[in-house]
Amino acid sequence: MRVIEYVTFTLVPGTGEAAFLSAARSTEALVRSRPGFVSRRLSRGPDGRWTDAVTWASLAEAEAAAQAVMADPGFGPFMALIDGPSAAMRHEHLALTLD
């Protein structure tokens, strides 16, 4: 069953949106290379809180990917722009998709 991984966070003070999006784009190959990757969407709310929503083929693949990317040095520049204490991750089973 497909799972959506939601990570919500704020950026380190002083981080510009363009710099953050550039860092996010630099993680594309790494995220896409993980088994079970389906899609990724990054959004920003009016309060400045960001949501990184990644769809995976299964919970096990989502959890394995989270561990792998966090240990990969290529993910470091992206993570350096996120205010760590503000970050929260959760996984939800996908029930319906309308695109």
N, C-alpha and C. Protein backbone atom coordinates (compact mmCIF):
# COMPACT_ATOMS: atom_id res chain seq x y z
N MET A 1 0.84 -1.18 0.00
CA MET A 1 0.00 0.00 0.00
C MET A 1 0.89 1.25 0.00
N ARG A 2 0.59 2.18 -0.88
CA ARG A 2 1.38 3.41 -0.97
C ARG A 2 1.25 4.24 0.31
N VAL A 3 2.35 4.94 0.61
CA VAL A 3 2.44 5.75 1.81
C VAL A 3 2.95 7.13 1.44
N ILE A 4 2.40 8.15 2.08
CA ILE A 4 2.92 9.49 1.89
C ILE A 4 3.67 9.88 3.16
N GLU A 5 4.90 10.30 2.95
CA GLU A 5 5.73 10.80 4.05
C GLU A 5 5.61 12.32 4.05
N TYR A 6 5.13 12.86 5.14
CA TYR A 6 5.00 14.31 5.29
C TYR A 6 6.05 14.79 6.27
N VAL A 7 6.86 15.74 5.85
CA VAL A 7 7.81 16.37 6.75
C VAL A 7 7.50 17.86 6.72
N THR A 8 7.13 18.42 7.88
CA THR A 8 6.85 19.84 7.97
C THR A 8 7.98 20.50 8.75
N PHE A 9 8.31 21.74 8.37
CA PHE A 9 9.45 22.42 8.98
C PHE A 9 9.46 23.89 8.60
N THR A 10 10.30 24.64 9.30
CA THR A 10 10.61 26.01 8.92
C THR A 10 12.08 26.04 8.53
N LEU A 11 12.45 27.11 7.87
CA LEU A 11 13.85 27.25 7.44
C LEU A 11 14.66 27.97 8.50
N VAL A 12 15.96 27.77 8.43
CA VAL A 12 16.88 28.50 9.30
C VAL A 12 16.68 29.99 9.00
N PRO A 13 16.56 30.82 10.03
CA PRO A 13 16.38 32.25 9.79
C PRO A 13 17.42 32.80 8.82
N GLY A 14 16.95 33.63 7.90
CA GLY A 14 17.83 34.23 6.91
C GLY A 14 17.98 33.44 5.63
N THR A 15 17.40 32.24 5.58
CA THR A 15 17.48 31.41 4.37
C THR A 15 16.47 31.91 3.35
N GLY A 16 16.94 32.24 2.17
CA GLY A 16 16.04 32.68 1.11
C GLY A 16 15.38 31.50 0.42
N GLU A 17 14.20 31.75 -0.12
CA GLU A 17 13.45 30.69 -0.80
C GLU A 17 14.22 30.14 -2.00
N ALA A 18 14.85 31.01 -2.78
CA ALA A 18 15.58 30.55 -3.96
C ALA A 18 16.73 29.62 -3.57
N ALA A 19 17.45 29.96 -2.52
CA ALA A 19 18.56 29.11 -2.06
C ALA A 19 18.03 27.76 -1.57
N PHE A 20 16.91 27.80 -0.87
CA PHE A 20 16.33 26.55 -0.36
C PHE A 20 15.86 25.67 -1.51
N LEU A 21 15.17 26.25 -2.46
CA LEU A 21 14.68 25.45 -3.59
C LEU A 21 15.83 24.89 -4.42
N SER A 22 16.92 25.63 -4.54
CA SER A 22 18.10 25.11 -5.23
C SER A 22 18.66 23.90 -4.49
N ALA A 23 18.74 24.00 -3.17
CA ALA A 23 19.22 22.87 -2.37
C ALA A 23 18.27 21.68 -2.49
N ALA A 24 16.98 21.94 -2.52
CA ALA A 24 15.99 20.87 -2.66
C ALA A 24 16.16 20.17 -4.01
N ARG A 25 16.35 20.95 -5.07
CA ARG A 25 16.55 20.35 -6.40
C ARG A 25 17.80 19.49 -6.45
N SER A 26 18.80 19.86 -5.67
CA SER A 26 20.04 19.08 -5.67
C SER A 26 19.87 17.70 -5.04
N THR A 27 18.76 17.48 -4.33
CA THR A 27 18.49 16.17 -3.73
C THR A 27 17.68 15.26 -4.65
N GLU A 28 17.26 15.78 -5.80
CA GLU A 28 16.35 15.03 -6.66
C GLU A 28 16.88 13.64 -7.04
N ALA A 29 18.09 13.57 -7.54
CA ALA A 29 18.63 12.27 -7.98
C ALA A 29 18.72 11.29 -6.82
N LEU A 30 19.13 11.77 -5.67
CA LEU A 30 19.25 10.91 -4.50
C LEU A 30 17.89 10.34 -4.09
N VAL A 31 16.88 11.20 -4.02
CA VAL A 31 15.55 10.75 -3.61
C VAL A 31 14.96 9.80 -4.66
N ARG A 32 15.08 10.18 -5.94
CA ARG A 32 14.54 9.33 -7.01
C ARG A 32 15.20 7.95 -7.07
N SER A 33 16.46 7.87 -6.63
CA SER A 33 17.19 6.60 -6.72
C SER A 33 16.77 5.58 -5.66
N ARG A 34 16.03 6.01 -4.66
CA ARG A 34 15.64 5.11 -3.58
C ARG A 34 14.53 4.17 -4.04
N PRO A 35 14.64 2.88 -3.72
CA PRO A 35 13.59 1.93 -4.07
C PRO A 35 12.24 2.36 -3.50
N GLY A 36 11.21 2.28 -4.32
CA GLY A 36 9.87 2.60 -3.88
C GLY A 36 9.45 4.03 -4.09
N PHE A 37 10.36 4.89 -4.58
CA PHE A 37 10.00 6.29 -4.80
C PHE A 37 8.91 6.39 -5.86
N VAL A 38 7.89 7.22 -5.60
CA VAL A 38 6.80 7.45 -6.54
C VAL A 38 6.77 8.91 -6.98
N SER A 39 6.71 9.84 -6.01
CA SER A 39 6.63 11.27 -6.36
C SER A 39 7.02 12.11 -5.15
N ARG A 40 7.26 13.39 -5.43
CA ARG A 40 7.62 14.33 -4.35
C ARG A 40 7.01 15.69 -4.66
N ARG A 41 6.47 16.33 -3.63
CA ARG A 41 5.93 17.68 -3.74
C ARG A 41 6.43 18.49 -2.55
N LEU A 42 6.86 19.70 -2.83
CA LEU A 42 7.34 20.59 -1.79
C LEU A 42 6.47 21.84 -1.83
N SER A 43 5.90 22.21 -0.69
CA SER A 43 5.00 23.37 -0.66
C SER A 43 5.32 24.24 0.55
N ARG A 44 4.88 25.51 0.45
CA ARG A 44 5.09 26.47 1.53
C ARG A 44 3.76 27.10 1.89
N GLY A 45 3.44 27.10 3.17
CA GLY A 45 2.20 27.71 3.64
C GLY A 45 2.36 29.19 3.89
N PRO A 46 1.25 29.89 4.08
CA PRO A 46 1.29 31.33 4.30
C PRO A 46 2.03 31.72 5.58
N ASP A 47 2.18 30.78 6.51
CA ASP A 47 2.89 31.04 7.76
C ASP A 47 4.40 30.79 7.64
N GLY A 48 4.85 30.41 6.43
CA GLY A 48 6.27 30.14 6.22
C GLY A 48 6.69 28.71 6.50
N ARG A 49 5.77 27.89 6.98
CA ARG A 49 6.07 26.48 7.23
C ARG A 49 6.04 25.73 5.91
N TRP A 50 7.04 24.88 5.71
CA TRP A 50 7.16 24.08 4.50
C TRP A 50 6.67 22.66 4.75
N THR A 51 6.22 22.00 3.69
CA THR A 51 5.86 20.58 3.74
C THR A 51 6.51 19.87 2.57
N ASP A 52 7.28 18.85 2.88
CA ASP A 52 7.90 17.99 1.86
C ASP A 52 7.09 16.70 1.89
N ALA A 53 6.32 16.45 0.84
CA ALA A 53 5.44 15.28 0.77
C ALA A 53 5.98 14.32 -0.28
N VAL A 54 6.42 13.16 0.18
CA VAL A 54 7.01 12.16 -0.72
C VAL A 54 6.15 10.91 -0.68
N THR A 55 5.74 10.44 -1.84
CA THR A 55 4.95 9.22 -1.93
C THR A 55 5.87 8.05 -2.20
N TRP A 56 5.68 6.99 -1.42
CA TRP A 56 6.48 5.77 -1.53
C TRP A 56 5.57 4.58 -1.78
N ALA A 57 6.11 3.54 -2.35
CA ALA A 57 5.34 2.34 -2.64
C ALA A 57 4.90 1.61 -1.37
N SER A 58 5.68 1.76 -0.28
CA SER A 58 5.34 1.08 0.96
C SER A 58 5.96 1.81 2.15
N LEU A 59 5.47 1.54 3.33
CA LEU A 59 6.02 2.13 4.54
C LEU A 59 7.46 1.68 4.76
N ALA A 60 7.74 0.41 4.52
CA ALA A 60 9.10 -0.09 4.70
C ALA A 60 10.09 0.65 3.80
N GLU A 61 9.70 0.92 2.55
CA GLU A 61 10.58 1.64 1.64
C GLU A 61 10.72 3.11 2.06
N ALA A 62 9.67 3.70 2.58
CA ALA A 62 9.73 5.08 3.07
C ALA A 62 10.69 5.18 4.24
N GLU A 63 10.58 4.25 5.18
CA GLU A 63 11.46 4.28 6.35
C GLU A 63 12.91 4.02 5.97
N ALA A 64 13.14 3.09 5.06
CA ALA A 64 14.51 2.81 4.62
C ALA A 64 15.09 4.01 3.89
N ALA A 65 14.30 4.67 3.07
CA ALA A 65 14.77 5.85 2.34
C ALA A 65 15.11 6.98 3.30
N ALA A 66 14.29 7.20 4.31
CA ALA A 66 14.55 8.26 5.27
C ALA A 66 15.90 8.05 5.95
N GLN A 67 16.19 6.83 6.34
CA GLN A 67 17.47 6.54 6.97
C GLN A 67 18.63 6.73 5.99
N ALA A 68 18.44 6.28 4.77
CA ALA A 68 19.51 6.36 3.77
C ALA A 68 19.84 7.79 3.38
N VAL A 69 18.82 8.60 3.13
CA VAL A 69 19.11 9.97 2.69
C VAL A 69 19.69 10.81 3.82
N MET A 70 19.25 10.57 5.04
CA MET A 70 19.80 11.33 6.16
C MET A 70 21.28 11.02 6.38
N ALA A 71 21.71 9.83 6.00
CA ALA A 71 23.11 9.44 6.16
C ALA A 71 23.96 9.83 4.96
N ASP A 72 23.33 10.26 3.87
CA ASP A 72 24.07 10.60 2.64
C ASP A 72 24.58 12.04 2.71
N PRO A 73 25.89 12.26 2.51
CA PRO A 73 26.43 13.63 2.56
C PRO A 73 25.80 14.56 1.53
N GLY A 74 25.29 14.03 0.43
CA GLY A 74 24.66 14.85 -0.60
C GLY A 74 23.37 15.51 -0.13
N PHE A 75 22.80 15.00 0.94
CA PHE A 75 21.57 15.57 1.49
C PHE A 75 21.87 16.68 2.50
N GLY A 76 23.13 16.78 2.91
CA GLY A 76 23.55 17.73 3.93
C GLY A 76 23.22 19.19 3.64
N PRO A 77 23.54 19.71 2.44
CA PRO A 77 23.24 21.12 2.17
C PRO A 77 21.75 21.46 2.28
N PHE A 78 20.89 20.54 1.89
CA PHE A 78 19.45 20.72 2.02
C PHE A 78 19.06 20.75 3.50
N MET A 79 19.55 19.78 4.26
CA MET A 79 19.22 19.69 5.67
C MET A 79 19.76 20.88 6.46
N ALA A 80 20.88 21.45 6.03
CA ALA A 80 21.49 22.58 6.74
C ALA A 80 20.61 23.82 6.72
N LEU A 81 19.67 23.89 5.78
CA LEU A 81 18.79 25.05 5.66
C LEU A 81 17.49 24.89 6.44
N ILE A 82 17.27 23.71 7.00
CA ILE A 82 16.05 23.43 7.76
C ILE A 82 16.32 23.62 9.25
N ASP A 83 15.42 24.33 9.93
CA ASP A 83 15.51 24.49 11.37
C ASP A 83 15.13 23.15 12.01
N GLY A 84 16.13 22.38 12.42
CA GLY A 84 15.94 21.02 12.92
C GLY A 84 14.84 20.85 13.96
N PRO A 85 14.82 21.68 15.02
CA PRO A 85 13.78 21.50 16.04
C PRO A 85 12.36 21.71 15.52
N SER A 86 12.21 22.40 14.40
CA SER A 86 10.87 22.65 13.87
C SER A 86 10.34 21.48 13.04
N ALA A 87 11.22 20.54 12.67
CA ALA A 87 10.84 19.47 11.76
C ALA A 87 10.04 18.37 12.45
N ALA A 88 9.00 17.91 11.75
CA ALA A 88 8.17 16.81 12.23
C ALA A 88 7.84 15.92 11.03
N MET A 89 7.99 14.61 11.21
CA MET A 89 7.72 13.65 10.13
C MET A 89 6.58 12.72 10.55
N ARG A 90 5.74 12.41 9.56
CA ARG A 90 4.71 11.38 9.79
C ARG A 90 4.46 10.65 8.48
N HIS A 91 3.92 9.46 8.59
CA HIS A 91 3.58 8.65 7.41
C HIS A 91 2.09 8.35 7.46
N GLU A 92 1.47 8.45 6.28
CA GLU A 92 0.04 8.14 6.18
C GLU A 92 -0.18 7.24 4.96
N HIS A 93 -1.09 6.29 5.09
CA HIS A 93 -1.43 5.42 3.97
C HIS A 93 -2.29 6.20 2.98
N LEU A 94 -1.95 6.13 1.72
CA LEU A 94 -2.68 6.82 0.68
C LEU A 94 -4.02 6.14 0.46
N ALA A 95 -5.10 6.89 0.58
CA ALA A 95 -6.45 6.33 0.45
C ALA A 95 -7.09 6.66 -0.89
N LEU A 96 -6.77 7.82 -1.47
CA LEU A 96 -7.42 8.25 -2.70
C LEU A 96 -6.54 9.26 -3.40
N THR A 97 -6.44 9.17 -4.71
CA THR A 97 -5.69 10.15 -5.51
C THR A 97 -6.58 10.65 -6.62
N LEU A 98 -6.66 11.97 -6.76
CA LEU A 98 -7.39 12.60 -7.85
C LEU A 98 -6.45 13.63 -8.46
N ASP A 99 -5.84 13.32 -9.60
CA ASP A 99 -4.94 14.27 -10.26
C ASP A 99 -5.55 14.74 -11.55
